Amino acid sequence: MKRFTVNPMATLEYDWWWGKRVNDNIPISSQENTRPIEEHLQ
């Protein structure tokens, strides 16, 4: 079972990646409001 152990950083990165994928699936009309924020973070 040890090989299934995930360290906290990997979990945080996965949560961020999954959240990013969910945001990518938002309709374009909703993305228009979030895009400036994403560009600011980059």
PDB file of N, CA and C in Angstrom:
ATOM      1  N   MET A   1       0.831  -1.208   0.000  1.00  0.00           N
ATOM      2  CA  MET A   1       0.000   0.000   0.000  1.00  0.00           C
ATOM      3  C   MET A   1       0.866   1.259   0.000  1.00  0.00           C
ATOM      4  N   LYS A   2       2.145   1.117   0.333  1.00  0.00           N
ATOM      5  CA  LYS A   2       2.992   2.307   0.429  1.00  0.00           C
ATOM      6  C   LYS A   2       3.057   3.065  -0.892  1.00  0.00           C
ATOM      7  N   ARG A   3       3.073   2.361  -2.007  1.00  0.00           N
ATOM      8  CA  ARG A   3       3.223   3.053  -3.285  1.00  0.00           C
ATOM      9  C   ARG A   3       2.027   3.943  -3.607  1.00  0.00           C
ATOM     10  N   PHE A   4       0.914   3.780  -2.870  1.00  0.00           N
ATOM     11  CA  PHE A   4      -0.248   4.642  -3.092  1.00  0.00           C
ATOM     12  C   PHE A   4      -0.222   5.884  -2.199  1.00  0.00           C
ATOM     13  N   THR A   5       0.779   5.957  -1.323  1.00  0.00           N
ATOM     14  CA  THR A   5       0.888   7.118  -0.442  1.00  0.00           C
ATOM     15  C   THR A   5       1.245   8.355  -1.258  1.00  0.00           C
ATOM     16  N   VAL A   6       0.528   9.444  -1.013  1.00  0.00           N
ATOM     17  CA  VAL A   6       0.785  10.691  -1.742  1.00  0.00           C
ATOM     18  C   VAL A   6       1.212  11.763  -0.748  1.00  0.00           C
ATOM     19  N   ASN A   7       2.313  12.438  -1.062  1.00  0.00           N
ATOM     20  CA  ASN A   7       2.758  13.487  -0.140  1.00  0.00           C
ATOM     21  C   ASN A   7       1.877  14.719  -0.303  1.00  0.00           C
ATOM     22  N   PRO A   8       1.803  15.585   0.692  1.00  0.00           N
ATOM     23  CA  PRO A   8       0.900  16.754   0.661  1.00  0.00           C
ATOM     24  C   PRO A   8       1.111  17.648  -0.555  1.00  0.00           C
ATOM     25  N   MET A   9       2.364  17.887  -0.954  1.00  0.00           N
ATOM     26  CA  MET A   9       2.616  18.764  -2.095  1.00  0.00           C
ATOM     27  C   MET A   9       2.017  18.180  -3.367  1.00  0.00           C
ATOM     28  N   ALA A  10       2.183  16.880  -3.585  1.00  0.00           N
ATOM     29  CA  ALA A  10       1.634  16.252  -4.787  1.00  0.00           C
ATOM     30  C   ALA A  10       0.107  16.380  -4.776  1.00  0.00           C
ATOM     31  N   THR A  11      -0.495  16.254  -3.599  1.00  0.00           N
ATOM     32  CA  THR A  11      -1.948  16.376  -3.495  1.00  0.00           C
ATOM     33  C   THR A  11      -2.385  17.788  -3.851  1.00  0.00           C
ATOM     34  N   LEU A  12      -1.649  18.790  -3.344  1.00  0.00           N
ATOM     35  CA  LEU A  12      -1.997  20.179  -3.644  1.00  0.00           C
ATOM     36  C   LEU A  12      -1.864  20.451  -5.134  1.00  0.00           C
ATOM     37  N   GLU A  13      -0.809  19.937  -5.751  1.00  0.00           N
ATOM     38  CA  GLU A  13      -0.612  20.148  -7.184  1.00  0.00           C
ATOM     39  C   GLU A  13      -1.728  19.467  -7.971  1.00  0.00           C
ATOM     40  N   TYR A  14      -2.126  18.275  -7.530  1.00  0.00           N
ATOM     41  CA  TYR A  14      -3.209  17.563  -8.220  1.00  0.00           C
ATOM     42  C   TYR A  14      -4.517  18.327  -8.075  1.00  0.00           C
ATOM     43  N   ASP A  15      -4.782  18.837  -6.862  1.00  0.00           N
ATOM     44  CA  ASP A  15      -6.009  19.604  -6.649  1.00  0.00           C
ATOM     45  C   ASP A  15      -6.022  20.834  -7.548  1.00  0.00           C
ATOM     46  N   TRP A  16      -4.853  21.502  -7.687  1.00  0.00           N
ATOM     47  CA  TRP A  16      -4.776  22.689  -8.549  1.00  0.00           C
ATOM     48  C   TRP A  16      -5.007  22.288  -9.997  1.00  0.00           C
ATOM     49  N   TRP A  17      -4.370  21.197 -10.416  1.00  0.00           N
ATOM     50  CA  TRP A  17      -4.514  20.733 -11.800  1.00  0.00           C
ATOM     51  C   TRP A  17      -5.966  20.381 -12.086  1.00  0.00           C
ATOM     52  N   TRP A  18      -6.601  19.659 -11.140  1.00  0.00           N
ATOM     53  CA  TRP A  18      -7.996  19.274 -11.345  1.00  0.00           C
ATOM     54  C   TRP A  18      -8.875  20.516 -11.390  1.00  0.00           C
ATOM     55  N   GLY A  19      -8.635  21.482 -10.498  1.00  0.00           N
ATOM     56  CA  GLY A  19      -9.415  22.715 -10.490  1.00  0.00           C
ATOM     57  C   GLY A  19      -9.241  23.467 -11.801  1.00  0.00           C
ATOM     58  N   LYS A  20      -8.029  23.448 -12.349  1.00  0.00           N
ATOM     59  CA  LYS A  20      -7.772  24.127 -13.620  1.00  0.00           C
ATOM     60  C   LYS A  20      -8.564  23.450 -14.732  1.00  0.00           C
ATOM     61  N   ARG A  21      -8.607  22.107 -14.711  1.00  0.00           N
ATOM     62  CA  ARG A  21      -9.369  21.386 -15.739  1.00  0.00           C
ATOM     63  C   ARG A  21     -10.860  21.718 -15.618  1.00  0.00           C
ATOM     64  N   VAL A  22     -11.361  21.799 -14.396  1.00  0.00           N
ATOM     65  CA  VAL A  22     -12.775  22.120 -14.200  1.00  0.00           C
ATOM     66  C   VAL A  22     -13.055  23.513 -14.745  1.00  0.00           C
ATOM     67  N   ASN A  23     -12.137  24.467 -14.475  1.00  0.00           N
ATOM     68  CA  ASN A  23     -12.314  25.831 -14.974  1.00  0.00           C
ATOM     69  C   ASN A  23     -12.279  25.860 -16.493  1.00  0.00           C
ATOM     70  N   ASP A  24     -11.455  25.002 -17.106  1.00  0.00           N
ATOM     71  CA  ASP A  24     -11.367  24.965 -18.566  1.00  0.00           C
ATOM     72  C   ASP A  24     -12.681  24.491 -19.185  1.00  0.00           C
ATOM     73  N   ASN A  25     -13.497  23.765 -18.402  1.00  0.00           N
ATOM     74  CA  ASN A  25     -14.757  23.237 -18.930  1.00  0.00           C
ATOM     75  C   ASN A  25     -15.916  24.220 -18.765  1.00  0.00           C
ATOM     76  N   ILE A  26     -15.653  25.375 -18.129  1.00  0.00           N
ATOM     77  CA  ILE A  26     -16.712  26.373 -17.951  1.00  0.00           C
ATOM     78  C   ILE A  26     -17.051  26.983 -19.312  1.00  0.00           C
ATOM     79  N   PRO A  27     -18.327  27.214 -19.612  1.00  0.00           N
ATOM     80  CA  PRO A  27     -18.710  27.832 -20.897  1.00  0.00           C
ATOM     81  C   PRO A  27     -17.963  29.139 -21.127  1.00  0.00           C
ATOM     82  N   ILE A  28     -17.755  29.470 -22.404  1.00  0.00           N
ATOM     83  CA  ILE A  28     -16.977  30.662 -22.754  1.00  0.00           C
ATOM     84  C   ILE A  28     -17.574  31.912 -22.117  1.00  0.00           C
ATOM     85  N   SER A  29     -18.885  31.999 -22.048  1.00  0.00           N
ATOM     86  CA  SER A  29     -19.522  33.187 -21.482  1.00  0.00           C
ATOM     87  C   SER A  29     -19.061  33.402 -20.036  1.00  0.00           C
ATOM     88  N   SER A  30     -18.824  32.317 -19.296  1.00  0.00           N
ATOM     89  CA  SER A  30     -18.351  32.442 -17.925  1.00  0.00           C
ATOM     90  C   SER A  30     -16.849  32.704 -17.895  1.00  0.00           C
ATOM     91  N   GLN A  31     -16.120  32.140 -18.843  1.00  0.00           N
ATOM     92  CA  GLN A  31     -14.674  32.324 -18.873  1.00  0.00           C
ATOM     93  C   GLN A  31     -14.310  33.781 -19.110  1.00  0.00           C
ATOM     94  N   GLU A  32     -15.145  34.522 -19.823  1.00  0.00           N
ATOM     95  CA  GLU A  32     -14.841  35.923 -20.109  1.00  0.00           C
ATOM     96  C   GLU A  32     -14.634  36.698 -18.816  1.00  0.00           C
ATOM     97  N   ASN A  33     -15.333  36.303 -17.755  1.00  0.00           N
ATOM     98  CA  ASN A  33     -15.190  37.005 -16.485  1.00  0.00           C
ATOM     99  C   ASN A  33     -13.947  36.555 -15.725  1.00  0.00           C
ATOM    100  N   THR A  34     -13.485  35.327 -15.952  1.00  0.00           N
ATOM    101  CA  THR A  34     -12.358  34.802 -15.186  1.00  0.00           C
ATOM    102  C   THR A  34     -11.032  35.007 -15.902  1.00  0.00           C
ATOM    103  N   ARG A  35     -11.045  35.216 -17.204  1.00  0.00           N
ATOM    104  CA  ARG A  35      -9.799  35.326 -17.957  1.00  0.00           C
ATOM    105  C   ARG A  35      -8.877  36.434 -17.448  1.00  0.00           C
ATOM    106  N   PRO A  36      -9.362  37.653 -17.211  1.00  0.00           N
ATOM    107  CA  PRO A  36      -8.458  38.705 -16.716  1.00  0.00           C
ATOM    108  C   PRO A  36      -7.764  38.298 -15.421  1.00  0.00           C
ATOM    109  N   ILE A  37      -8.461  37.576 -14.550  1.00  0.00           N
ATOM    110  CA  ILE A  37      -7.856  37.130 -13.294  1.00  0.00           C
ATOM    111  C   ILE A  37      -6.754  36.120 -13.585  1.00  0.00           C
ATOM    112  N   GLU A  38      -7.025  35.169 -14.485  1.00  0.00           N
ATOM    113  CA  GLU A  38      -6.021  34.160 -14.820  1.00  0.00           C
ATOM    114  C   GLU A  38      -4.796  34.813 -15.437  1.00  0.00           C
ATOM    115  N   GLU A  39      -4.994  35.784 -16.327  1.00  0.00           N
ATOM    116  CA  GLU A  39      -3.870  36.473 -16.953  1.00  0.00           C
ATOM    117  C   GLU A  39      -3.075  37.243 -15.911  1.00  0.00           C
ATOM    118  N   HIS A  40      -3.751  37.796 -14.924  1.00  0.00           N
ATOM    119  CA  HIS A  40      -3.073  38.542 -13.867  1.00  0.00           C
ATOM    120  C   HIS A  40      -2.198  37.610 -13.033  1.00  0.00           C
ATOM    121  N   LEU A  41      -2.687  36.391 -12.774  1.00  0.00           N
ATOM    122  CA  LEU A  41      -1.915  35.433 -11.984  1.00  0.00           C
ATOM    123  C   LEU A  41      -0.698  34.954 -12.751  1.00  0.00           C
ATOM    124  N   GLN A  42      -0.780  34.910 -14.070  1.00  0.00           N
ATOM    125  CA  GLN A  42       0.359  34.471 -14.864  1.00  0.00           C
ATOM    126  C   GLN A  42       1.384  35.571 -14.885  1.00  0.00           C
TER     127      GLN A  42
END
